[in-house]
Amino acid sequence: MKFKLDENLGFRTVELIGALGHDVQTVSQEKLNGIDDARLSEVCAAEGRCLITLDLDFADVLRFPPHTGPGVAVRRPPQPVTLRLLTELVRSLLSALERESIAGRLWVVQVGRIRVHDPSGSDD
């Protein structure tokens, strides 16, 4: 699968996802830091990359309809945020991807669960 990591994610996330053979690019690698959210969404759709982010703006399904792209995963760690918690959320996401597709869906990844917005009407 192809992923784009938002600028608020670090190298550890790249390593975890890449270790499983996924194609991972980051906003920083592509010199897109500071890019407008709408433009980032367009870039991800054009490249066929699922966006992984901590930015809650991407959970707004009216502004960023999930069915228009390859999927969005918004990580929602509890406070205080630690590297261990962020790693746990990435592992949860990757585990869920082994069972189902994120294509055209919004996943809000939290500790112990993933909330799924599926525009086809079968939200979890």
PDB file of N, CA and C in Angstrom:
ATOM      1  N   MET A   1       0.840  -1.179   0.000  1.00  0.00           N
ATOM      2  CA  MET A   1       0.000   0.000   0.000  1.00  0.00           C
ATOM      3  C   MET A   1       0.884   1.239   0.000  1.00  0.00           C
ATOM      4  N   LYS A   2       0.346   2.346  -0.512  1.00  0.00           N
ATOM      5  CA  LYS A   2       1.083   3.596  -0.577  1.00  0.00           C
ATOM      6  C   LYS A   2       0.558   4.574   0.475  1.00  0.00           C
ATOM      7  N   PHE A   3       1.497   5.168   1.212  1.00  0.00           N
ATOM      8  CA  PHE A   3       1.152   6.106   2.277  1.00  0.00           C
ATOM      9  C   PHE A   3       1.886   7.427   2.096  1.00  0.00           C
ATOM     10  N   LYS A   4       1.227   8.486   2.566  1.00  0.00           N
ATOM     11  CA  LYS A   4       1.857   9.801   2.703  1.00  0.00           C
ATOM     12  C   LYS A   4       1.739  10.160   4.191  1.00  0.00           C
ATOM     13  N   LEU A   5       2.880  10.460   4.816  1.00  0.00           N
ATOM     14  CA  LEU A   5       2.878  10.846   6.221  1.00  0.00           C
ATOM     15  C   LEU A   5       2.932  12.363   6.325  1.00  0.00           C
ATOM     16  N   ASP A   6       2.006  12.900   7.091  1.00  0.00           N
ATOM     17  CA  ASP A   6       1.958  14.343   7.295  1.00  0.00           C
ATOM     18  C   ASP A   6       3.212  14.793   8.032  1.00  0.00           C
ATOM     19  N   GLU A   7       3.479  16.087   8.001  1.00  0.00           N
ATOM     20  CA  GLU A   7       4.703  16.620   8.585  1.00  0.00           C
ATOM     21  C   GLU A   7       4.754  16.489  10.097  1.00  0.00           C
ATOM     22  N   ASN A   8       3.637  16.149  10.735  1.00  0.00           N
ATOM     23  CA  ASN A   8       3.634  15.999  12.185  1.00  0.00           C
ATOM     24  C   ASN A   8       4.008  14.586  12.630  1.00  0.00           C
ATOM     25  N   LEU A   9       4.497  13.752  11.705  1.00  0.00           N
ATOM     26  CA  LEU A   9       4.911  12.396  12.016  1.00  0.00           C
ATOM     27  C   LEU A   9       6.403  12.235  11.776  1.00  0.00           C
ATOM     28  N   GLY A  10       7.020  11.397  12.596  1.00  0.00           N
ATOM     29  CA  GLY A  10       8.468  11.267  12.549  1.00  0.00           C
ATOM     30  C   GLY A  10       8.991  10.053  11.824  1.00  0.00           C
ATOM     31  N   PHE A  11      10.316   9.939  11.861  1.00  0.00           N
ATOM     32  CA  PHE A  11      11.026   8.889  11.154  1.00  0.00           C
ATOM     33  C   PHE A  11      10.643   7.496  11.665  1.00  0.00           C
ATOM     34  N   ARG A  12      10.325   7.371  12.934  1.00  0.00           N
ATOM     35  CA  ARG A  12       9.948   6.059  13.495  1.00  0.00           C
ATOM     36  C   ARG A  12       8.715   5.510  12.774  1.00  0.00           C
ATOM     37  N   THR A  13       7.765   6.358  12.464  1.00  0.00           N
ATOM     38  CA  THR A  13       6.564   5.923  11.738  1.00  0.00           C
ATOM     39  C   THR A  13       6.934   5.449  10.344  1.00  0.00           C
ATOM     40  N   VAL A  14       7.846   6.154   9.684  1.00  0.00           N
ATOM     41  CA  VAL A  14       8.319   5.746   8.365  1.00  0.00           C
ATOM     42  C   VAL A  14       8.937   4.351   8.455  1.00  0.00           C
ATOM     43  N   GLU A  15       9.771   4.124   9.470  1.00  0.00           N
ATOM     44  CA  GLU A  15      10.425   2.829   9.654  1.00  0.00           C
ATOM     45  C   GLU A  15       9.418   1.706   9.872  1.00  0.00           C
ATOM     46  N   LEU A  16       8.441   1.934  10.745  1.00  0.00           N
ATOM     47  CA  LEU A  16       7.456   0.901  11.059  1.00  0.00           C
ATOM     48  C   LEU A  16       6.648   0.495   9.829  1.00  0.00           C
ATOM     49  N   ILE A  17       6.226   1.473   9.068  1.00  0.00           N
ATOM     50  CA  ILE A  17       5.395   1.200   7.897  1.00  0.00           C
ATOM     51  C   ILE A  17       6.245   0.607   6.768  1.00  0.00           C
ATOM     52  N   GLY A  18       7.406   1.170   6.548  1.00  0.00           N
ATOM     53  CA  GLY A  18       8.292   0.685   5.503  1.00  0.00           C
ATOM     54  C   GLY A  18       8.792  -0.729   5.751  1.00  0.00           C
ATOM     55  N   ALA A  19       8.963  -1.101   7.020  1.00  0.00           N
ATOM     56  CA  ALA A  19       9.445  -2.441   7.367  1.00  0.00           C
ATOM     57  C   ALA A  19       8.481  -3.531   6.899  1.00  0.00           C
ATOM     58  N   LEU A  20       7.229  -3.176   6.711  1.00  0.00           N
ATOM     59  CA  LEU A  20       6.243  -4.142   6.240  1.00  0.00           C
ATOM     60  C   LEU A  20       6.098  -4.129   4.718  1.00  0.00           C
ATOM     61  N   GLY A  21       6.971  -3.389   4.065  1.00  0.00           N
ATOM     62  CA  GLY A  21       6.992  -3.388   2.605  1.00  0.00           C
ATOM     63  C   GLY A  21       6.093  -2.355   1.951  1.00  0.00           C
ATOM     64  N   HIS A  22       5.516  -1.463   2.746  1.00  0.00           N
ATOM     65  CA  HIS A  22       4.657  -0.424   2.181  1.00  0.00           C
ATOM     66  C   HIS A  22       5.515   0.696   1.588  1.00  0.00           C
ATOM     67  N   ASP A  23       4.969   1.378   0.607  1.00  0.00           N
ATOM     68  CA  ASP A  23       5.598   2.522  -0.047  1.00  0.00           C
ATOM     69  C   ASP A  23       5.236   3.757   0.772  1.00  0.00           C
ATOM     70  N   VAL A  24       6.241   4.370   1.406  1.00  0.00           N
ATOM     71  CA  VAL A  24       5.995   5.497   2.304  1.00  0.00           C
ATOM     72  C   VAL A  24       6.742   6.734   1.829  1.00  0.00           C
ATOM     73  N   GLN A  25       6.030   7.828   1.705  1.00  0.00           N
ATOM     74  CA  GLN A  25       6.611   9.134   1.429  1.00  0.00           C
ATOM     75  C   GLN A  25       6.142  10.083   2.520  1.00  0.00           C
ATOM     76  N   THR A  26       6.944  11.086   2.799  1.00  0.00           N
ATOM     77  CA  THR A  26       6.543  12.067   3.800  1.00  0.00           C
ATOM     78  C   THR A  26       6.387  13.441   3.156  1.00  0.00           C
ATOM     79  N   VAL A  27       5.589  14.252   3.788  1.00  0.00           N
ATOM     80  CA  VAL A  27       5.411  15.634   3.343  1.00  0.00           C
ATOM     81  C   VAL A  27       6.770  16.333   3.336  1.00  0.00           C
ATOM     82  N   SER A  28       7.576  16.082   4.364  1.00  0.00           N
ATOM     83  CA  SER A  28       8.898  16.726   4.456  1.00  0.00           C
ATOM     84  C   SER A  28       9.834  16.281   3.344  1.00  0.00           C
ATOM     85  N   GLN A  29       9.850  14.974   3.035  1.00  0.00           N
ATOM     86  CA  GLN A  29      10.711  14.474   1.957  1.00  0.00           C
ATOM     87  C   GLN A  29      10.386  15.145   0.629  1.00  0.00           C
ATOM     88  N   GLU A  30       9.121  15.433   0.426  1.00  0.00           N
ATOM     89  CA  GLU A  30       8.684  16.025  -0.833  1.00  0.00           C
ATOM     90  C   GLU A  30       8.676  17.552  -0.790  1.00  0.00           C
ATOM     91  N   LYS A  31       9.215  18.092   0.310  1.00  0.00           N
ATOM     92  CA  LYS A  31       9.315  19.553   0.483  1.00  0.00           C
ATOM     93  C   LYS A  31       7.945  20.232   0.380  1.00  0.00           C
ATOM     94  N   LEU A  32       6.969  19.596   1.016  1.00  0.00           N
ATOM     95  CA  LEU A  32       5.613  20.134   1.032  1.00  0.00           C
ATOM     96  C   LEU A  32       5.234  20.694   2.403  1.00  0.00           C
ATOM     97  N   ASN A  33       6.220  20.907   3.265  1.00  0.00           N
ATOM     98  CA  ASN A  33       5.936  21.440   4.595  1.00  0.00           C
ATOM     99  C   ASN A  33       5.143  22.731   4.485  1.00  0.00           C
ATOM    100  N   GLY A  34       4.124  22.854   5.322  1.00  0.00           N
ATOM    101  CA  GLY A  34       3.292  24.051   5.330  1.00  0.00           C
ATOM    102  C   GLY A  34       2.218  24.058   4.259  1.00  0.00           C
ATOM    103  N   ILE A  35       2.103  22.982   3.503  1.00  0.00           N
ATOM    104  CA  ILE A  35       1.100  22.909   2.445  1.00  0.00           C
ATOM    105  C   ILE A  35      -0.313  23.018   3.039  1.00  0.00           C
ATOM    106  N   ASP A  36      -1.192  23.666   2.334  1.00  0.00           N
ATOM    107  CA  ASP A  36      -2.587  23.784   2.730  1.00  0.00           C
ATOM    108  C   ASP A  36      -3.217  22.396   2.795  1.00  0.00           C
ATOM    109  N   ASP A  37      -4.088  22.162   3.782  1.00  0.00           N
ATOM    110  CA  ASP A  37      -4.727  20.854   3.952  1.00  0.00           C
ATOM    111  C   ASP A  37      -5.458  20.394   2.692  1.00  0.00           C
ATOM    112  N   ALA A  38      -6.187  21.287   2.053  1.00  0.00           N
ATOM    113  CA  ALA A  38      -6.927  20.913   0.845  1.00  0.00           C
ATOM    114  C   ALA A  38      -5.968  20.475  -0.256  1.00  0.00           C
ATOM    115  N   ARG A  39      -4.871  21.184  -0.389  1.00  0.00           N
ATOM    116  CA  ARG A  39      -3.882  20.824  -1.411  1.00  0.00           C
ATOM    117  C   ARG A  39      -3.227  19.483  -1.079  1.00  0.00           C
ATOM    118  N   LEU A  40      -2.931  19.238   0.197  1.00  0.00           N
ATOM    119  CA  LEU A  40      -2.351  17.962   0.607  1.00  0.00           C
ATOM    120  C   LEU A  40      -3.299  16.817   0.281  1.00  0.00           C
ATOM    121  N   SER A  41      -4.574  17.016   0.522  1.00  0.00           N
ATOM    122  CA  SER A  41      -5.574  16.006   0.196  1.00  0.00           C
ATOM    123  C   SER A  41      -5.564  15.711  -1.308  1.00  0.00           C
ATOM    124  N   GLU A  42      -5.463  16.751  -2.111  1.00  0.00           N
ATOM    125  CA  GLU A  42      -5.410  16.587  -3.572  1.00  0.00           C
ATOM    126  C   GLU A  42      -4.158  15.821  -4.002  1.00  0.00           C
ATOM    127  N   VAL A  43      -3.014  16.152  -3.396  1.00  0.00           N
ATOM    128  CA  VAL A  43      -1.753  15.475  -3.718  1.00  0.00           C
ATOM    129  C   VAL A  43      -1.860  13.990  -3.385  1.00  0.00           C
ATOM    130  N   CYS A  44      -2.404  13.672  -2.222  1.00  0.00           N
ATOM    131  CA  CYS A  44      -2.560  12.269  -1.818  1.00  0.00           C
ATOM    132  C   CYS A  44      -3.455  11.514  -2.805  1.00  0.00           C
ATOM    133  N   ALA A  45      -4.561  12.139  -3.188  1.00  0.00           N
ATOM    134  CA  ALA A  45      -5.473  11.502  -4.137  1.00  0.00           C
ATOM    135  C   ALA A  45      -4.783  11.276  -5.486  1.00  0.00           C
ATOM    136  N   ALA A  46      -4.064  12.277  -5.961  1.00  0.00           N
ATOM    137  CA  ALA A  46      -3.383  12.162  -7.256  1.00  0.00           C
ATOM    138  C   ALA A  46      -2.306  11.074  -7.243  1.00  0.00           C
ATOM    139  N   GLU A  47      -1.641  10.911  -6.108  1.00  0.00           N
ATOM    140  CA  GLU A  47      -0.576   9.916  -5.977  1.00  0.00           C
ATOM    141  C   GLU A  47      -1.107   8.552  -5.544  1.00  0.00           C
ATOM    142  N   GLY A  48      -2.394   8.485  -5.182  1.00  0.00           N
ATOM    143  CA  GLY A  48      -2.960   7.225  -4.700  1.00  0.00           C
ATOM    144  C   GLY A  48      -2.403   6.818  -3.352  1.00  0.00           C
ATOM    145  N   ARG A  49      -2.120   7.802  -2.496  1.00  0.00           N
ATOM    146  CA  ARG A  49      -1.534   7.546  -1.181  1.00  0.00           C
ATOM    147  C   ARG A  49      -2.523   7.837  -0.065  1.00  0.00           C
ATOM    148  N   CYS A  50      -2.630   6.895   0.852  1.00  0.00           N
ATOM    149  CA  CYS A  50      -3.414   7.092   2.069  1.00  0.00           C
ATOM    150  C   CYS A  50      -2.651   8.065   2.958  1.00  0.00           C
ATOM    151  N   LEU A  51      -3.332   9.070   3.465  1.00  0.00           N
ATOM    152  CA  LEU A  51      -2.713  10.050   4.358  1.00  0.00           C
ATOM    153  C   LEU A  51      -2.785   9.558   5.796  1.00  0.00           C
ATOM    154  N   ILE A  52      -1.654   9.614   6.491  1.00  0.00           N
ATOM    155  CA  ILE A  52      -1.612   9.353   7.928  1.00  0.00           C
ATOM    156  C   ILE A  52      -1.201  10.660   8.590  1.00  0.00           C
ATOM    157  N   THR A  53      -1.993  11.101   9.566  1.00  0.00           N
ATOM    158  CA  THR A  53      -1.778  12.410  10.160  1.00  0.00           C
ATOM    159  C   THR A  53      -2.231  12.439  11.619  1.00  0.00           C
ATOM    160  N   LEU A  54      -1.815  13.467  12.323  1.00  0.00           N
ATOM    161  CA  LEU A  54      -2.330  13.775  13.653  1.00  0.00           C
ATOM    162  C   LEU A  54      -3.297  14.966  13.577  1.00  0.00           C
ATOM    163  N   ASP A  55      -3.465  15.533  12.406  1.00  0.00           N
ATOM    164  CA  ASP A  55      -4.261  16.736  12.185  1.00  0.00           C
ATOM    165  C   ASP A  55      -5.755  16.401  12.138  1.00  0.00           C
ATOM    166  N   LEU A  56      -6.479  16.821  13.161  1.00  0.00           N
ATOM    167  CA  LEU A  56      -7.917  16.545  13.262  1.00  0.00           C
ATOM    168  C   LEU A  56      -8.741  17.175  12.148  1.00  0.00           C
ATOM    169  N   ASP A  57      -8.207  18.169  11.469  1.00  0.00           N
ATOM    170  CA  ASP A  57      -8.949  18.778  10.359  1.00  0.00           C
ATOM    171  C   ASP A  57      -9.345  17.731   9.317  1.00  0.00           C
ATOM    172  N   PHE A  58      -8.490  16.715   9.137  1.00  0.00           N
ATOM    173  CA  PHE A  58      -8.765  15.691   8.135  1.00  0.00           C
ATOM    174  C   PHE A  58      -9.875  14.725   8.560  1.00  0.00           C
ATOM    175  N   ALA A  59     -10.347  14.836   9.800  1.00  0.00           N
ATOM    176  CA  ALA A  59     -11.485  14.026  10.261  1.00  0.00           C
ATOM    177  C   ALA A  59     -12.818  14.678   9.898  1.00  0.00           C
ATOM    178  N   ASP A  60     -12.783  15.850   9.306  1.00  0.00           N
ATOM    179  CA  ASP A  60     -13.990  16.553   8.873  1.00  0.00           C
ATOM    180  C   ASP A  60     -14.431  15.968   7.530  1.00  0.00           C
ATOM    181  N   VAL A  61     -15.402  15.047   7.580  1.00  0.00           N
ATOM    182  CA  VAL A  61     -15.811  14.333   6.361  1.00  0.00           C
ATOM    183  C   VAL A  61     -16.572  15.215   5.377  1.00  0.00           C
ATOM    184  N   LEU A  62     -17.054  16.359   5.819  1.00  0.00           N
ATOM    185  CA  LEU A  62     -17.697  17.282   4.888  1.00  0.00           C
ATOM    186  C   LEU A  62     -16.643  18.036   4.071  1.00  0.00           C
ATOM    187  N   ARG A  63     -15.558  18.389   4.720  1.00  0.00           N
ATOM    188  CA  ARG A  63     -14.479  19.109   4.038  1.00  0.00           C
ATOM    189  C   ARG A  63     -13.585  18.149   3.246  1.00  0.00           C
ATOM    190  N   PHE A  64     -13.343  16.964   3.801  1.00  0.00           N
ATOM    191  CA  PHE A  64     -12.487  15.966   3.167  1.00  0.00           C
ATOM    192  C   PHE A  64     -13.235  14.642   3.064  1.00  0.00           C
ATOM    193  N   PRO A  65     -14.170  14.540   2.106  1.00  0.00           N
ATOM    194  CA  PRO A  65     -14.961  13.307   1.969  1.00  0.00           C
ATOM    195  C   PRO A  65     -14.047  12.103   1.700  1.00  0.00           C
ATOM    196  N   PRO A  66     -14.099  11.078   2.553  1.00  0.00           N
ATOM    197  CA  PRO A  66     -13.182   9.949   2.415  1.00  0.00           C
ATOM    198  C   PRO A  66     -13.291   9.212   1.083  1.00  0.00           C
ATOM    199  N   HIS A  67     -14.480   9.162   0.521  1.00  0.00           N
ATOM    200  CA  HIS A  67     -14.675   8.398  -0.716  1.00  0.00           C
ATOM    201  C   HIS A  67     -13.965   9.004  -1.923  1.00  0.00           C
ATOM    202  N   THR A  68     -13.428  10.219  -1.778  1.00  0.00           N
ATOM    203  CA  THR A  68     -12.765  10.871  -2.906  1.00  0.00           C
ATOM    204  C   THR A  68     -11.277  10.533  -3.002  1.00  0.00           C
ATOM    205  N   GLY A  69     -10.785   9.692  -2.099  1.00  0.00           N
ATOM    206  CA  GLY A  69      -9.356   9.386  -2.121  1.00  0.00           C
ATOM    207  C   GLY A  69      -9.048   8.000  -1.608  1.00  0.00           C
ATOM    208  N   PRO A  70      -7.759   7.726  -1.468  1.00  0.00           N
ATOM    209  CA  PRO A  70      -7.309   6.394  -1.061  1.00  0.00           C
ATOM    210  C   PRO A  70      -7.407   6.133   0.440  1.00  0.00           C
ATOM    211  N   GLY A  71      -7.960   7.060   1.195  1.00  0.00           N
ATOM    212  CA  GLY A  71      -8.155   6.858   2.623  1.00  0.00           C
ATOM    213  C   GLY A  71      -7.350   7.829   3.462  1.00  0.00           C
ATOM    214  N   VAL A  72      -7.842   8.024   4.692  1.00  0.00           N
ATOM    215  CA  VAL A  72      -7.175   8.897   5.656  1.00  0.00           C
ATOM    216  C   VAL A  72      -7.196   8.209   7.011  1.00  0.00           C
ATOM    217  N   ALA A  73      -6.044   8.215   7.680  1.00  0.00           N
ATOM    218  CA  ALA A  73      -5.947   7.702   9.045  1.00  0.00           C
ATOM    219  C   ALA A  73      -5.503   8.849   9.941  1.00  0.00           C
ATOM    220  N   VAL A  74      -6.365   9.224  10.877  1.00  0.00           N
ATOM    221  CA  VAL A  74      -6.054  10.281  11.832  1.00  0.00           C
ATOM    222  C   VAL A  74      -5.721   9.614  13.157  1.00  0.00           C
ATOM    223  N   ARG A  75      -4.499   9.784  13.603  1.00  0.00           N
ATOM    224  CA  ARG A  75      -4.087   9.202  14.891  1.00  0.00           C
ATOM    225  C   ARG A  75      -4.478  10.154  16.004  1.00  0.00           C
ATOM    226  N   ARG A  76      -5.109   9.600  17.046  1.00  0.00           N
ATOM    227  CA  ARG A  76      -5.574  10.390  18.185  1.00  0.00           C
ATOM    228  C   ARG A  76      -4.996   9.833  19.481  1.00  0.00           C
ATOM    229  N   PRO A  77      -3.768  10.191  19.809  1.00  0.00           N
ATOM    230  CA  PRO A  77      -3.175   9.696  21.048  1.00  0.00           C
ATOM    231  C   PRO A  77      -3.727  10.437  22.254  1.00  0.00           C
ATOM    232  N   PRO A  78      -3.807   9.756  23.394  1.00  0.00           N
ATOM    233  CA  PRO A  78      -4.211  10.456  24.615  1.00  0.00           C
ATOM    234  C   PRO A  78      -3.077  11.367  25.084  1.00  0.00           C
ATOM    235  N   GLN A  79      -3.420  12.311  25.925  1.00  0.00           N
ATOM    236  CA  GLN A  79      -2.419  13.219  26.488  1.00  0.00           C
ATOM    237  C   GLN A  79      -1.895  12.646  27.797  1.00  0.00           C
ATOM    238  N   PRO A  80      -0.672  12.782  28.148  1.00  0.00           N
ATOM    239  CA  PRO A  80       0.392  13.362  27.348  1.00  0.00           C
ATOM    240  C   PRO A  80       0.850  12.373  26.279  1.00  0.00           C
ATOM    241  N   VAL A  81       1.233  12.901  25.140  1.00  0.00           N
ATOM    242  CA  VAL A  81       1.672  12.084  24.014  1.00  0.00           C
ATOM    243  C   VAL A  81       3.091  11.582  24.293  1.00  0.00           C
ATOM    244  N   THR A  82       3.274  10.285  24.073  1.00  0.00           N
ATOM    245  CA  THR A  82       4.607   9.705  24.222  1.00  0.00           C
ATOM    246  C   THR A  82       4.951   8.942  22.948  1.00  0.00           C
ATOM    247  N   LEU A  83       6.222   8.698  22.758  1.00  0.00           N
ATOM    248  CA  LEU A  83       6.667   7.926  21.606  1.00  0.00           C
ATOM    249  C   LEU A  83       6.056   6.526  21.649  1.00  0.00           C
ATOM    250  N   ARG A  84       5.954   5.956  22.829  1.00  0.00           N
ATOM    251  CA  ARG A  84       5.366   4.626  22.977  1.00  0.00           C
ATOM    252  C   ARG A  84       3.919   4.608  22.505  1.00  0.00           C
ATOM    253  N   LEU A  85       3.131   5.621  22.874  1.00  0.00           N
ATOM    254  CA  LEU A  85       1.735   5.697  22.447  1.00  0.00           C
ATOM    255  C   LEU A  85       1.619   5.890  20.938  1.00  0.00           C
ATOM    256  N   LEU A  86       2.440   6.742  20.376  1.00  0.00           N
ATOM    257  CA  LEU A  86       2.398   6.964  18.930  1.00  0.00           C
ATOM    258  C   LEU A  86       2.758   5.688  18.179  1.00  0.00           C
ATOM    259  N   THR A  87       3.735   4.951  18.681  1.00  0.00           N
ATOM    260  CA  THR A  87       4.131   3.682  18.073  1.00  0.00           C
ATOM    261  C   THR A  87       2.996   2.667  18.179  1.00  0.00           C
ATOM    262  N   GLU A  88       2.337   2.622  19.320  1.00  0.00           N
ATOM    263  CA  GLU A  88       1.204   1.710  19.512  1.00  0.00           C
ATOM    264  C   GLU A  88       0.090   2.006  18.506  1.00  0.00           C
ATOM    265  N   LEU A  89      -0.173   3.267  18.247  1.00  0.00           N
ATOM    266  CA  LEU A  89      -1.215   3.628  17.292  1.00  0.00           C
ATOM    267  C   LEU A  89      -0.848   3.211  15.869  1.00  0.00           C
ATOM    268  N   VAL A  90       0.426   3.349  15.513  1.00  0.00           N
ATOM    269  CA  VAL A  90       0.864   2.915  14.179  1.00  0.00           C
ATOM    270  C   VAL A  90       0.702   1.401  14.056  1.00  0.00           C
ATOM    271  N   ARG A  91       1.094   0.684  15.086  1.00  0.00           N
ATOM    272  CA  ARG A  91       0.965  -0.781  15.048  1.00  0.00           C
ATOM    273  C   ARG A  91      -0.504  -1.204  14.945  1.00  0.00           C
ATOM    274  N   SER A  92      -1.386  -0.509  15.649  1.00  0.00           N
ATOM    275  CA  SER A  92      -2.826  -0.804  15.559  1.00  0.00           C
ATOM    276  C   SER A  92      -3.330  -0.576  14.143  1.00  0.00           C
ATOM    277  N   LEU A  93      -2.919   0.519  13.547  1.00  0.00           N
ATOM    278  CA  LEU A  93      -3.304   0.837  12.176  1.00  0.00           C
ATOM    279  C   LEU A  93      -2.827  -0.249  11.217  1.00  0.00           C
ATOM    280  N   LEU A  94      -1.562  -0.618  11.324  1.00  0.00           N
ATOM    281  CA  LEU A  94      -0.999  -1.628  10.422  1.00  0.00           C
ATOM    282  C   LEU A  94      -1.667  -2.987  10.615  1.00  0.00           C
ATOM    283  N   SER A  95      -1.991  -3.314  11.836  1.00  0.00           N
ATOM    284  CA  SER A  95      -2.690  -4.574  12.117  1.00  0.00           C
ATOM    285  C   SER A  95      -4.077  -4.575  11.476  1.00  0.00           C
ATOM    286  N   ALA A  96      -4.783  -3.467  11.594  1.00  0.00           N
ATOM    287  CA  ALA A  96      -6.127  -3.360  11.009  1.00  0.00           C
ATOM    288  C   ALA A  96      -6.063  -3.446   9.484  1.00  0.00           C
ATOM    289  N   LEU A  97      -5.010  -2.903   8.892  1.00  0.00           N
ATOM    290  CA  LEU A  97      -4.864  -2.941   7.433  1.00  0.00           C
ATOM    291  C   LEU A  97      -4.686  -4.366   6.908  1.00  0.00           C
ATOM    292  N   GLU A  98      -4.232  -5.258   7.758  1.00  0.00           N
ATOM    293  CA  GLU A  98      -4.101  -6.664   7.358  1.00  0.00           C
ATOM    294  C   GLU A  98      -5.471  -7.329   7.221  1.00  0.00           C
ATOM    295  N   ARG A  99      -6.471  -6.768   7.898  1.00  0.00           N
ATOM    296  CA  ARG A  99      -7.814  -7.355   7.905  1.00  0.00           C
ATOM    297  C   ARG A  99      -8.785  -6.669   6.951  1.00  0.00           C
ATOM    298  N   GLU A 100      -8.568  -5.381   6.706  1.00  0.00           N
ATOM    299  CA  GLU A 100      -9.507  -4.642   5.856  1.00  0.00           C
ATOM    300  C   GLU A 100      -8.837  -3.459   5.188  1.00  0.00           C
ATOM    301  N   SER A 101      -9.498  -2.941   4.170  1.00  0.00           N
ATOM    302  CA  SER A 101      -8.963  -1.832   3.395  1.00  0.00           C
ATOM    303  C   SER A 101      -9.415  -0.490   3.971  1.00  0.00           C
ATOM    304  N   ILE A 102      -8.522   0.477   3.894  1.00  0.00           N
ATOM    305  CA  ILE A 102      -8.859   1.836   4.309  1.00  0.00           C
ATOM    306  C   ILE A 102      -9.304   2.677   3.106  1.00  0.00           C
ATOM    307  N   ALA A 103      -9.166   2.155   1.920  1.00  0.00           N
ATOM    308  CA  ALA A 103      -9.481   2.903   0.695  1.00  0.00           C
ATOM    309  C   ALA A 103     -10.883   3.512   0.768  1.00  0.00           C
ATOM    310  N   GLY A 104     -10.962   4.821   0.533  1.00  0.00           N
ATOM    311  CA  GLY A 104     -12.240   5.520   0.527  1.00  0.00           C
ATOM    312  C   GLY A 104     -12.872   5.681   1.893  1.00  0.00           C
ATOM    313  N   ARG A 105     -12.086   5.487   2.943  1.00  0.00           N
ATOM    314  CA  ARG A 105     -12.619   5.559   4.306  1.00  0.00           C
ATOM    315  C   ARG A 105     -11.756   6.462   5.177  1.00  0.00           C
ATOM    316  N   LEU A 106     -12.348   6.917   6.271  1.00  0.00           N
ATOM    317  CA  LEU A 106     -11.636   7.653   7.306  1.00  0.00           C
ATOM    318  C   LEU A 106     -11.532   6.740   8.519  1.00  0.00           C
ATOM    319  N   TRP A 107     -10.311   6.557   9.011  1.00  0.00           N
ATOM    320  CA  TRP A 107     -10.093   5.821  10.249  1.00  0.00           C
ATOM    321  C   TRP A 107      -9.551   6.787  11.282  1.00  0.00           C
ATOM    322  N   VAL A 108     -10.172   6.822  12.448  1.00  0.00           N
ATOM    323  CA  VAL A 108      -9.650   7.580  13.575  1.00  0.00           C
ATOM    324  C   VAL A 108      -9.057   6.544  14.521  1.00  0.00           C
ATOM    325  N   VAL A 109      -7.739   6.543  14.605  1.00  0.00           N
ATOM    326  CA  VAL A 109      -7.005   5.506  15.331  1.00  0.00           C
ATOM    327  C   VAL A 109      -6.726   5.991  16.750  1.00  0.00           C
ATOM    328  N   GLN A 110      -7.312   5.292  17.705  1.00  0.00           N
ATOM    329  CA  GLN A 110      -7.154   5.607  19.117  1.00  0.00           C
ATOM    330  C   GLN A 110      -6.589   4.386  19.831  1.00  0.00           C
ATOM    331  N   VAL A 111      -6.104   4.563  21.023  1.00  0.00           N
ATOM    332  CA  VAL A 111      -5.601   3.436  21.798  1.00  0.00           C
ATOM    333  C   VAL A 111      -6.754   2.457  22.035  1.00  0.00           C
ATOM    334  N   GLY A 112      -6.585   1.240  21.584  1.00  0.00           N
ATOM    335  CA  GLY A 112      -7.575   0.196  21.822  1.00  0.00           C
ATOM    336  C   GLY A 112      -8.724   0.121  20.831  1.00  0.00           C
ATOM    337  N   ARG A 113      -8.794   1.057  19.879  1.00  0.00           N
ATOM    338  CA  ARG A 113      -9.883   0.987  18.899  1.00  0.00           C
ATOM    339  C   ARG A 113      -9.614   1.876  17.693  1.00  0.00           C
ATOM    340  N   ILE A 114     -10.328   1.550  16.626  1.00  0.00           N
ATOM    341  CA  ILE A 114     -10.295   2.376  15.414  1.00  0.00           C
ATOM    342  C   ILE A 114     -11.735   2.681  15.038  1.00  0.00           C
ATOM    343  N   ARG A 115     -12.067   3.973  15.023  1.00  0.00           N
ATOM    344  CA  ARG A 115     -13.399   4.385  14.566  1.00  0.00           C
ATOM    345  C   ARG A 115     -13.331   4.538  13.056  1.00  0.00           C
ATOM    346  N   VAL A 116     -14.278   3.948  12.371  1.00  0.00           N
ATOM    347  CA  VAL A 116     -14.280   3.937  10.919  1.00  0.00           C
ATOM    348  C   VAL A 116     -15.479   4.722  10.398  1.00  0.00           C
ATOM    349  N   HIS A 117     -15.182   5.666   9.500  1.00  0.00           N
ATOM    350  CA  HIS A 117     -16.258   6.350   8.782  1.00  0.00           C
ATOM    351  C   HIS A 117     -16.227   5.793   7.366  1.00  0.00           C
ATOM    352  N   ASP A 118     -17.281   5.102   7.015  1.00  0.00           N
ATOM    353  CA  ASP A 118     -17.385   4.496   5.697  1.00  0.00           C
ATOM    354  C   ASP A 118     -18.573   5.137   4.980  1.00  0.00           C
ATOM    355  N   PRO A 119     -18.322   5.924   3.924  1.00  0.00           N
ATOM    356  CA  PRO A 119     -19.411   6.622   3.255  1.00  0.00           C
ATOM    357  C   PRO A 119     -20.436   5.685   2.613  1.00  0.00           C
ATOM    358  N   SER A 120     -20.122   4.398   2.512  1.00  0.00           N
ATOM    359  CA  SER A 120     -21.090   3.468   1.945  1.00  0.00           C
ATOM    360  C   SER A 120     -22.197   3.154   2.950  1.00  0.00           C
ATOM    361  N   GLY A 121     -22.027   3.630   4.199  1.00  0.00           N
ATOM    362  CA  GLY A 121     -23.082   3.451   5.194  1.00  0.00           C
ATOM    363  C   GLY A 121     -22.842   2.333   6.187  1.00  0.00           C
ATOM    364  N   SER A 122     -21.674   1.684   6.117  1.00  0.00           N
ATOM    365  CA  SER A 122     -21.405   0.599   7.061  1.00  0.00           C
ATOM    366  C   SER A 122     -20.365   1.006   8.082  1.00  0.00           C
ATOM    367  N   ASP A 123     -20.540   2.187   8.704  1.00  0.00           N
ATOM    368  CA  ASP A 123     -19.609   2.664   9.734  1.00  0.00           C
ATOM    369  C   ASP A 123     -19.531   1.657  10.868  1.00  0.00           C
ATOM    370  N   ASP A 124     -18.305   1.515  11.425  1.00  0.00           N
ATOM    371  CA  ASP A 124     -18.087   0.651  12.578  1.00  0.00           C
ATOM    372  C   ASP A 124     -18.214   1.454  13.854  1.00  0.00           C
TER     373      ASP A 124
END
